[in-house]
N, C-alpha and C. Protein backbone atom coordinates (compact mmCIF):
# COMPACT_ATOMS: atom_id res chain seq x y z
N UNK A 1 62.21 81.67 150.63
CA UNK A 1 62.79 82.11 149.37
C UNK A 1 62.09 83.36 148.85
N UNK A 2 60.75 83.38 148.96
CA UNK A 2 60.01 84.55 148.49
C UNK A 2 60.41 85.79 149.27
N UNK A 3 60.62 85.64 150.58
CA UNK A 3 61.01 86.77 151.41
C UNK A 3 62.35 87.32 150.95
N UNK A 4 63.30 86.44 150.63
CA UNK A 4 64.61 86.86 150.15
C UNK A 4 64.49 87.61 148.83
N UNK A 5 63.66 87.11 147.92
CA UNK A 5 63.48 87.77 146.63
C UNK A 5 62.86 89.16 146.80
N UNK A 6 61.88 89.27 147.71
CA UNK A 6 61.29 90.57 147.96
C UNK A 6 62.31 91.55 148.55
N UNK A 7 63.14 91.07 149.47
CA UNK A 7 64.17 91.92 150.05
C UNK A 7 65.18 92.34 148.99
N UNK A 8 65.59 91.42 148.15
CA UNK A 8 66.55 91.74 147.08
C UNK A 8 65.95 92.77 146.12
N UNK A 9 64.68 92.62 145.78
CA UNK A 9 64.01 93.57 144.90
C UNK A 9 63.92 94.94 145.58
N UNK A 10 63.58 94.95 146.86
CA UNK A 10 63.49 96.20 147.61
C UNK A 10 64.83 96.94 147.61
N UNK A 11 65.92 96.23 147.87
CA UNK A 11 67.25 96.83 147.89
C UNK A 11 67.64 97.29 146.49
N UNK A 12 67.33 96.51 145.47
CA UNK A 12 67.69 96.88 144.09
C UNK A 12 66.96 98.14 143.64
N UNK A 13 65.71 98.29 144.05
CA UNK A 13 64.92 99.44 143.63
C UNK A 13 65.22 100.67 144.49
N UNK A 14 65.27 100.52 145.80
CA UNK A 14 65.44 101.66 146.69
C UNK A 14 66.89 101.98 147.01
N UNK A 15 67.79 101.06 146.80
CA UNK A 15 69.20 101.29 147.09
C UNK A 15 69.77 102.50 146.38
N UNK A 16 69.63 102.61 145.05
CA UNK A 16 70.17 103.79 144.36
C UNK A 16 69.51 105.08 144.84
N UNK A 17 68.24 105.04 145.16
CA UNK A 17 67.54 106.23 145.64
C UNK A 17 68.09 106.67 146.98
N UNK A 18 68.34 105.74 147.87
CA UNK A 18 68.89 106.08 149.18
C UNK A 18 70.27 106.72 149.03
N UNK A 19 71.07 106.20 148.11
CA UNK A 19 72.40 106.79 147.87
C UNK A 19 72.26 108.20 147.32
N UNK A 20 71.27 108.47 146.48
CA UNK A 20 71.05 109.80 145.93
C UNK A 20 70.77 110.79 147.05
N UNK A 21 69.96 110.39 148.03
CA UNK A 21 69.59 111.30 149.12
C UNK A 21 70.75 111.60 150.04
N UNK A 22 71.75 110.73 150.10
CA UNK A 22 72.86 110.92 151.02
C UNK A 22 73.91 111.88 150.46
N UNK A 23 73.70 112.41 149.28
CA UNK A 23 74.68 113.27 148.62
C UNK A 23 74.88 114.58 149.38
N UNK A 24 76.02 115.20 149.12
CA UNK A 24 76.33 116.50 149.71
C UNK A 24 76.58 117.50 148.59
N UNK A 25 76.54 118.77 148.92
CA UNK A 25 76.78 119.84 147.96
C UNK A 25 78.25 119.83 147.57
N UNK A 26 78.53 119.89 146.26
CA UNK A 26 79.90 119.85 145.75
C UNK A 26 80.03 120.85 144.60
N UNK A 27 81.09 121.68 144.65
CA UNK A 27 81.36 122.66 143.59
C UNK A 27 82.40 122.08 142.63
N UNK A 28 82.18 122.26 141.33
CA UNK A 28 83.14 121.85 140.31
C UNK A 28 84.24 122.90 140.26
N UNK A 29 85.36 122.63 140.88
CA UNK A 29 86.46 123.60 141.01
C UNK A 29 87.12 123.94 139.67
N UNK A 30 86.81 123.19 138.61
CA UNK A 30 87.38 123.45 137.28
C UNK A 30 86.46 124.27 136.38
N UNK A 31 85.33 124.71 136.88
CA UNK A 31 84.37 125.45 136.05
C UNK A 31 84.98 126.77 135.58
N UNK A 32 84.82 127.11 134.30
CA UNK A 32 85.45 128.33 133.76
C UNK A 32 84.92 129.64 134.34
N UNK A 33 83.74 129.65 134.96
CA UNK A 33 83.21 130.88 135.54
C UNK A 33 83.65 131.11 136.98
N UNK A 34 84.29 130.12 137.60
CA UNK A 34 84.77 130.32 138.97
C UNK A 34 85.87 131.35 138.99
N UNK A 35 85.76 132.29 139.91
CA UNK A 35 86.76 133.34 140.04
C UNK A 35 87.92 132.85 140.90
N UNK A 36 89.09 133.31 140.58
CA UNK A 36 90.27 133.01 141.38
C UNK A 36 90.70 134.28 142.10
N UNK A 37 91.69 134.15 142.96
CA UNK A 37 92.21 135.33 143.67
C UNK A 37 92.65 136.41 142.68
N UNK A 38 93.20 135.99 141.54
CA UNK A 38 93.71 136.94 140.55
C UNK A 38 92.61 137.51 139.64
N UNK A 39 91.38 137.02 139.79
CA UNK A 39 90.28 137.44 138.91
C UNK A 39 89.83 138.88 139.14
N UNK A 40 90.18 139.44 140.29
CA UNK A 40 89.70 140.80 140.58
C UNK A 40 88.30 140.76 141.15
N UNK A 41 87.48 141.74 140.75
CA UNK A 41 86.11 141.84 141.27
C UNK A 41 85.29 140.63 140.86
N UNK A 42 84.52 140.11 141.81
CA UNK A 42 83.72 138.91 141.57
C UNK A 42 82.29 139.13 142.04
N UNK A 43 81.40 138.27 141.56
CA UNK A 43 80.03 138.21 142.05
C UNK A 43 79.97 137.07 143.07
N UNK A 44 79.39 137.34 144.22
CA UNK A 44 79.23 136.32 145.26
C UNK A 44 77.82 135.78 145.15
N UNK A 45 77.70 134.49 144.84
CA UNK A 45 76.39 133.88 144.60
C UNK A 45 76.18 132.73 145.58
N UNK A 46 75.11 132.84 146.36
CA UNK A 46 74.72 131.75 147.26
C UNK A 46 73.67 130.91 146.54
N UNK A 47 73.88 129.59 146.52
CA UNK A 47 72.89 128.66 146.01
C UNK A 47 72.29 127.94 147.21
N UNK A 48 70.96 127.97 147.31
CA UNK A 48 70.24 127.52 148.50
C UNK A 48 69.21 126.48 148.12
N UNK A 49 69.20 125.38 148.87
CA UNK A 49 68.17 124.36 148.66
C UNK A 49 67.56 123.99 150.00
N UNK A 50 66.26 124.19 150.11
CA UNK A 50 65.54 123.96 151.36
C UNK A 50 65.52 122.49 151.75
N UNK A 51 65.23 122.28 153.04
CA UNK A 51 64.99 120.93 153.55
C UNK A 51 63.54 120.63 153.24
N UNK A 52 63.31 119.82 152.27
CA UNK A 52 61.94 119.43 151.95
C UNK A 52 61.79 117.96 152.34
N UNK A 53 60.59 117.52 152.48
CA UNK A 53 60.35 116.14 152.88
C UNK A 53 60.42 115.18 151.70
N UNK A 54 61.03 115.64 150.61
CA UNK A 54 61.13 114.78 149.44
C UNK A 54 61.95 113.54 149.75
N UNK A 55 61.52 112.45 149.20
CA UNK A 55 62.28 111.20 149.29
C UNK A 55 62.49 110.71 147.87
N UNK A 56 63.37 109.77 147.75
CA UNK A 56 63.61 109.19 146.44
C UNK A 56 64.30 110.17 145.52
N UNK A 57 63.90 110.15 144.26
CA UNK A 57 64.61 110.95 143.25
C UNK A 57 64.52 112.45 143.52
N UNK A 58 63.43 112.93 144.10
CA UNK A 58 63.30 114.37 144.39
C UNK A 58 64.21 114.78 145.55
N UNK A 59 64.68 113.82 146.33
CA UNK A 59 65.59 114.12 147.42
C UNK A 59 67.05 114.12 147.00
N UNK A 60 67.32 113.72 145.77
CA UNK A 60 68.69 113.66 145.28
C UNK A 60 69.26 115.06 145.07
N UNK A 61 70.59 115.16 145.11
CA UNK A 61 71.25 116.44 144.81
C UNK A 61 70.89 116.85 143.39
N UNK A 62 70.74 118.16 143.16
CA UNK A 62 70.42 118.67 141.83
C UNK A 62 71.65 119.32 141.23
N UNK A 63 71.73 119.30 139.93
CA UNK A 63 72.87 119.85 139.20
C UNK A 63 72.55 121.28 138.76
N UNK A 64 73.48 122.21 139.03
CA UNK A 64 73.36 123.59 138.56
C UNK A 64 74.37 123.77 137.44
N UNK A 65 73.87 124.15 136.26
CA UNK A 65 74.74 124.31 135.10
C UNK A 65 74.73 125.76 134.64
N UNK A 66 75.92 126.25 134.32
CA UNK A 66 76.07 127.59 133.76
C UNK A 66 77.12 127.51 132.67
N UNK A 67 76.91 128.25 131.58
CA UNK A 67 77.83 128.23 130.44
C UNK A 67 78.05 126.80 129.94
N UNK A 68 76.99 126.04 129.85
CA UNK A 68 76.95 124.68 129.34
C UNK A 68 77.80 123.68 130.12
N UNK A 69 78.14 123.98 131.38
CA UNK A 69 78.96 123.09 132.17
C UNK A 69 78.42 123.05 133.61
N UNK A 70 78.54 121.91 134.25
CA UNK A 70 78.06 121.80 135.62
C UNK A 70 78.94 122.62 136.57
N UNK A 71 78.31 123.56 137.28
CA UNK A 71 79.00 124.39 138.25
C UNK A 71 79.04 123.69 139.61
N UNK A 72 77.90 123.13 140.02
CA UNK A 72 77.83 122.45 141.31
C UNK A 72 76.63 121.54 141.39
N UNK A 73 76.63 120.71 142.43
CA UNK A 73 75.46 119.93 142.82
C UNK A 73 75.06 120.43 144.19
N UNK A 74 73.76 120.66 144.38
CA UNK A 74 73.26 121.15 145.66
C UNK A 74 72.36 120.09 146.28
N UNK A 75 72.72 119.68 147.49
CA UNK A 75 71.93 118.69 148.22
C UNK A 75 70.83 119.39 149.01
N UNK A 76 69.75 118.66 149.30
CA UNK A 76 68.65 119.26 150.07
C UNK A 76 69.13 119.61 151.46
N UNK A 77 68.63 120.76 151.95
CA UNK A 77 68.97 121.21 153.28
C UNK A 77 70.33 121.86 153.40
N UNK A 78 70.93 122.23 152.25
CA UNK A 78 72.26 122.83 152.27
C UNK A 78 72.30 124.09 151.41
N UNK A 79 73.31 124.92 151.69
CA UNK A 79 73.59 126.07 150.82
C UNK A 79 75.08 126.29 150.76
N UNK A 80 75.53 126.92 149.68
CA UNK A 80 76.94 127.21 149.52
C UNK A 80 77.13 128.55 148.84
N UNK A 81 78.33 129.07 148.95
CA UNK A 81 78.72 130.33 148.32
C UNK A 81 79.70 130.02 147.20
N UNK A 82 79.44 130.60 146.03
CA UNK A 82 80.34 130.45 144.88
C UNK A 82 80.71 131.84 144.40
N UNK A 83 81.99 132.08 144.23
CA UNK A 83 82.46 133.37 143.71
C UNK A 83 82.70 133.20 142.21
N UNK A 84 81.96 134.03 141.45
CA UNK A 84 81.97 133.89 139.99
C UNK A 84 82.52 135.13 139.30
N UNK A 85 83.03 134.92 138.11
CA UNK A 85 83.37 136.04 137.24
C UNK A 85 82.04 136.67 136.81
N UNK A 86 82.02 137.96 136.53
CA UNK A 86 80.77 138.57 136.04
C UNK A 86 80.26 137.78 134.82
N UNK A 87 78.96 137.58 134.79
CA UNK A 87 78.40 136.71 133.74
C UNK A 87 76.91 136.95 133.61
N UNK A 88 76.41 136.78 132.39
CA UNK A 88 74.97 136.82 132.13
C UNK A 88 74.63 135.64 131.25
N UNK A 89 73.56 134.92 131.62
CA UNK A 89 73.16 133.77 130.82
C UNK A 89 72.16 132.91 131.57
N UNK A 90 71.97 131.69 131.07
CA UNK A 90 71.00 130.78 131.64
C UNK A 90 71.60 129.96 132.78
N UNK A 91 70.89 129.94 133.90
CA UNK A 91 71.21 129.02 134.98
C UNK A 91 70.23 127.86 134.82
N UNK A 92 70.78 126.67 134.64
CA UNK A 92 69.97 125.49 134.37
C UNK A 92 70.04 124.55 135.57
N UNK A 93 68.88 124.09 136.03
CA UNK A 93 68.82 123.12 137.11
C UNK A 93 68.36 121.79 136.52
N UNK A 94 69.20 120.77 136.67
CA UNK A 94 68.86 119.42 136.23
C UNK A 94 68.60 118.56 137.45
N UNK A 95 67.52 117.82 137.39
CA UNK A 95 67.18 116.94 138.50
C UNK A 95 66.48 115.69 137.96
N UNK A 96 66.25 114.76 138.86
CA UNK A 96 65.52 113.54 138.51
C UNK A 96 64.06 113.71 138.90
N UNK A 97 63.18 113.07 138.14
CA UNK A 97 61.76 113.08 138.46
C UNK A 97 61.14 111.77 138.02
N UNK A 98 59.96 111.49 138.54
CA UNK A 98 59.18 110.34 138.08
C UNK A 98 58.13 110.87 137.12
N UNK A 99 58.18 110.40 135.89
CA UNK A 99 57.38 110.97 134.81
C UNK A 99 56.45 109.91 134.21
N UNK A 100 55.25 110.36 133.86
CA UNK A 100 54.31 109.51 133.14
C UNK A 100 53.55 108.55 134.03
N UNK A 101 52.68 107.78 133.41
CA UNK A 101 51.82 106.86 134.14
C UNK A 101 52.59 105.70 134.77
N UNK A 102 53.79 105.44 134.27
CA UNK A 102 54.62 104.36 134.83
C UNK A 102 55.68 104.87 135.79
N UNK A 103 55.64 106.17 136.08
CA UNK A 103 56.63 106.77 136.98
C UNK A 103 58.06 106.44 136.56
N UNK A 104 58.35 106.70 135.31
CA UNK A 104 59.68 106.44 134.78
C UNK A 104 60.66 107.48 135.32
N UNK A 105 61.78 107.02 135.87
CA UNK A 105 62.81 107.93 136.39
C UNK A 105 63.47 108.63 135.20
N UNK A 106 63.35 109.97 135.19
CA UNK A 106 63.76 110.77 134.04
C UNK A 106 64.47 112.04 134.50
N UNK A 107 65.51 112.47 133.76
CA UNK A 107 66.14 113.75 134.05
C UNK A 107 65.27 114.86 133.47
N UNK A 108 65.05 115.91 134.28
CA UNK A 108 64.27 117.06 133.85
C UNK A 108 65.10 118.32 134.07
N UNK A 109 64.76 119.39 133.34
CA UNK A 109 65.50 120.65 133.42
C UNK A 109 64.56 121.83 133.53
N UNK A 110 65.00 122.83 134.28
CA UNK A 110 64.35 124.14 134.31
C UNK A 110 65.46 125.17 134.21
N UNK A 111 65.19 126.28 133.56
CA UNK A 111 66.22 127.30 133.41
C UNK A 111 65.63 128.70 133.50
N UNK A 112 66.45 129.62 133.98
CA UNK A 112 66.10 131.03 134.07
C UNK A 112 67.33 131.86 133.74
N UNK A 113 67.12 133.05 133.22
CA UNK A 113 68.22 133.95 132.87
C UNK A 113 68.61 134.76 134.10
N UNK A 114 69.93 134.83 134.34
CA UNK A 114 70.49 135.61 135.44
C UNK A 114 71.61 136.49 134.93
N UNK A 115 71.87 137.55 135.66
CA UNK A 115 73.01 138.43 135.39
C UNK A 115 73.72 138.64 136.72
N UNK A 116 75.00 138.26 136.78
CA UNK A 116 75.79 138.40 137.99
C UNK A 116 76.87 139.45 137.74
N UNK A 117 76.80 140.57 138.46
CA UNK A 117 77.74 141.67 138.30
C UNK A 117 78.81 141.63 139.38
N UNK A 118 80.01 142.07 139.02
CA UNK A 118 81.13 142.12 139.96
C UNK A 118 80.79 143.02 141.14
N UNK A 119 81.23 142.61 142.33
CA UNK A 119 81.05 143.42 143.52
C UNK A 119 79.69 143.29 144.18
N UNK A 120 78.81 142.45 143.65
CA UNK A 120 77.47 142.30 144.22
C UNK A 120 77.27 140.88 144.74
N UNK A 121 76.26 140.74 145.62
CA UNK A 121 75.89 139.44 146.15
C UNK A 121 74.52 139.05 145.61
N UNK A 122 74.36 137.76 145.39
CA UNK A 122 73.11 137.22 144.86
C UNK A 122 72.74 135.97 145.65
N UNK A 123 71.43 135.71 145.72
CA UNK A 123 70.92 134.54 146.41
C UNK A 123 69.98 133.82 145.47
N UNK A 124 70.33 132.58 145.13
CA UNK A 124 69.53 131.78 144.20
C UNK A 124 68.95 130.59 144.95
N UNK A 125 67.63 130.57 145.04
CA UNK A 125 66.92 129.47 145.67
C UNK A 125 66.62 128.42 144.61
N UNK A 126 66.99 127.18 144.91
CA UNK A 126 66.65 126.05 144.03
C UNK A 126 65.31 125.55 144.56
N UNK A 127 64.24 126.01 143.93
CA UNK A 127 62.88 125.83 144.44
C UNK A 127 62.15 124.69 143.74
N UNK A 128 61.47 123.87 144.54
CA UNK A 128 60.67 122.78 143.98
C UNK A 128 59.55 123.35 143.12
N UNK A 129 59.28 122.68 142.02
CA UNK A 129 58.28 123.13 141.05
C UNK A 129 57.37 121.96 140.71
N UNK A 130 56.11 122.05 141.09
CA UNK A 130 55.16 120.99 140.77
C UNK A 130 54.64 121.18 139.36
N UNK A 131 54.88 120.18 138.56
CA UNK A 131 54.34 120.20 137.20
C UNK A 131 53.21 119.18 137.15
N UNK A 132 52.72 118.86 135.99
CA UNK A 132 51.62 117.89 135.91
C UNK A 132 52.14 116.49 136.25
N UNK A 133 51.21 115.62 136.57
CA UNK A 133 51.57 114.24 136.94
C UNK A 133 52.35 113.54 135.82
N UNK A 134 52.07 113.91 134.59
CA UNK A 134 52.74 113.25 133.47
C UNK A 134 54.08 113.88 133.13
N UNK A 135 54.33 115.11 133.60
CA UNK A 135 55.62 115.76 133.35
C UNK A 135 56.60 115.57 134.50
N UNK A 136 56.11 115.15 135.66
CA UNK A 136 56.96 115.01 136.84
C UNK A 136 57.23 116.36 137.48
N UNK A 137 57.92 116.34 138.62
CA UNK A 137 58.28 117.57 139.32
C UNK A 137 59.69 117.96 138.95
N UNK A 138 60.04 119.20 139.25
CA UNK A 138 61.37 119.70 138.90
C UNK A 138 61.80 120.74 139.94
N UNK A 139 62.96 121.34 139.70
CA UNK A 139 63.45 122.43 140.53
C UNK A 139 63.79 123.60 139.62
N UNK A 140 63.48 124.81 140.09
CA UNK A 140 63.66 126.03 139.31
C UNK A 140 64.60 126.97 140.07
N UNK A 141 65.56 127.61 139.36
CA UNK A 141 66.39 128.62 140.04
C UNK A 141 65.62 129.94 140.15
N UNK A 142 65.51 130.47 141.37
CA UNK A 142 64.73 131.68 141.62
C UNK A 142 65.60 132.67 142.40
N UNK A 143 65.65 133.91 141.94
CA UNK A 143 66.37 134.95 142.65
C UNK A 143 65.55 135.40 143.86
N UNK A 144 66.18 135.43 145.04
CA UNK A 144 65.50 135.90 146.25
C UNK A 144 66.34 137.00 146.90
N UNK A 145 65.75 137.73 147.84
CA UNK A 145 66.50 138.79 148.51
C UNK A 145 67.25 138.26 149.73
N UNK A 146 68.12 139.10 150.27
CA UNK A 146 68.98 138.72 151.38
C UNK A 146 68.17 138.28 152.60
N UNK A 147 67.10 139.00 152.90
CA UNK A 147 66.29 138.68 154.07
C UNK A 147 65.68 137.29 153.97
N UNK A 148 65.14 136.98 152.82
CA UNK A 148 64.54 135.65 152.61
C UNK A 148 65.62 134.57 152.68
N UNK A 149 66.78 134.85 152.10
CA UNK A 149 67.89 133.89 152.14
C UNK A 149 68.31 133.62 153.58
N UNK A 150 68.41 134.67 154.38
CA UNK A 150 68.82 134.51 155.78
C UNK A 150 67.77 133.71 156.57
N UNK A 151 66.49 133.95 156.29
CA UNK A 151 65.43 133.19 156.95
C UNK A 151 65.54 131.71 156.63
N UNK A 152 65.72 131.41 155.35
CA UNK A 152 65.84 130.02 154.92
C UNK A 152 67.08 129.36 155.51
N UNK A 153 68.19 130.08 155.53
CA UNK A 153 69.46 129.52 155.97
C UNK A 153 69.46 129.14 157.45
N UNK A 154 68.58 129.73 158.23
CA UNK A 154 68.54 129.43 159.67
C UNK A 154 68.32 127.95 159.93
N UNK A 155 67.69 127.25 158.98
CA UNK A 155 67.37 125.83 159.15
C UNK A 155 68.20 124.94 158.22
N UNK A 156 69.26 125.51 157.61
CA UNK A 156 70.04 124.77 156.63
C UNK A 156 71.49 124.62 157.08
N UNK A 157 72.23 123.78 156.38
CA UNK A 157 73.65 123.57 156.65
C UNK A 157 74.48 124.31 155.63
N UNK A 158 75.39 125.16 156.10
CA UNK A 158 76.33 125.84 155.21
C UNK A 158 77.41 124.85 154.81
N UNK A 159 77.79 124.87 153.52
CA UNK A 159 78.79 123.96 152.99
C UNK A 159 79.80 124.76 152.19
N UNK A 160 81.04 124.30 152.14
CA UNK A 160 82.08 124.95 151.34
C UNK A 160 82.37 126.35 151.82
N UNK A 161 82.47 127.30 150.88
CA UNK A 161 82.81 128.69 151.20
C UNK A 161 81.77 129.35 152.10
N UNK A 162 80.55 128.85 152.12
CA UNK A 162 79.50 129.44 152.97
C UNK A 162 79.77 129.19 154.45
N UNK A 163 80.60 128.21 154.77
CA UNK A 163 80.92 127.95 156.18
C UNK A 163 81.65 129.16 156.76
N UNK A 164 82.57 129.75 155.99
CA UNK A 164 83.31 130.92 156.44
C UNK A 164 82.54 132.22 156.31
N UNK A 165 81.51 132.24 155.48
CA UNK A 165 80.68 133.43 155.26
C UNK A 165 79.21 133.01 155.25
N UNK A 166 78.70 132.58 156.41
CA UNK A 166 77.30 132.12 156.44
C UNK A 166 76.32 133.26 156.21
N UNK A 167 75.15 132.93 155.73
CA UNK A 167 74.12 133.93 155.45
C UNK A 167 73.70 134.69 156.70
N UNK A 168 73.84 134.12 157.84
CA UNK A 168 73.40 134.76 159.07
C UNK A 168 74.26 135.96 159.47
N UNK A 169 75.44 136.12 158.89
CA UNK A 169 76.32 137.24 159.28
C UNK A 169 76.56 138.25 158.16
N UNK A 170 75.80 138.17 157.09
CA UNK A 170 75.99 139.09 155.97
C UNK A 170 75.50 140.49 156.32
N UNK A 171 76.26 141.52 155.94
CA UNK A 171 75.76 142.88 156.10
C UNK A 171 74.55 143.10 155.19
N UNK A 172 73.59 143.84 155.65
CA UNK A 172 72.34 144.03 154.90
C UNK A 172 72.49 144.88 153.66
N UNK A 173 73.53 145.68 153.53
CA UNK A 173 73.61 146.63 152.42
C UNK A 173 74.41 146.15 151.22
N UNK A 174 74.86 144.89 151.18
CA UNK A 174 75.70 144.43 150.08
C UNK A 174 74.93 143.64 149.02
N UNK A 175 73.68 143.44 149.19
CA UNK A 175 72.95 142.55 148.31
C UNK A 175 72.44 143.17 147.03
N UNK A 176 71.91 142.29 146.21
CA UNK A 176 71.27 142.67 144.96
C UNK A 176 69.80 142.40 145.08
């Protein structure tokens, strides 16, 4: 009986975490900043998340929010391309972390200001950020150059629009 209770507790505690790690990158197709064919000139933005050895809540997909709405979720080890209307504002990354002395599962946020201009390409790395033990860890959006993006992408899975335009085939002169 004790063995059954331990197994049930193990599944109850780790089950949701395992499901979080199995997530894939998904774009919110209804986001107001997404460009359509009729939008004209657009900014091409790659969102990149490295394969880290994180498990549990740090391995879960992270939410990228722009203009107060979720644009996409990015899973570890994946990257995608999103075509946006020109925009300037805060890119917010929401993720789960274990916070405090009791390791309470808590949503945390990091944000940075970005400006995306029409006709340009951008590469945003969703980078792990170690904070104090009591604040938990988080992810920060960081602008990187094309060369660094291509290096990282060599070990990642392209998802969505990035499948047709992977980082490995981008011309070197179109970046920001």
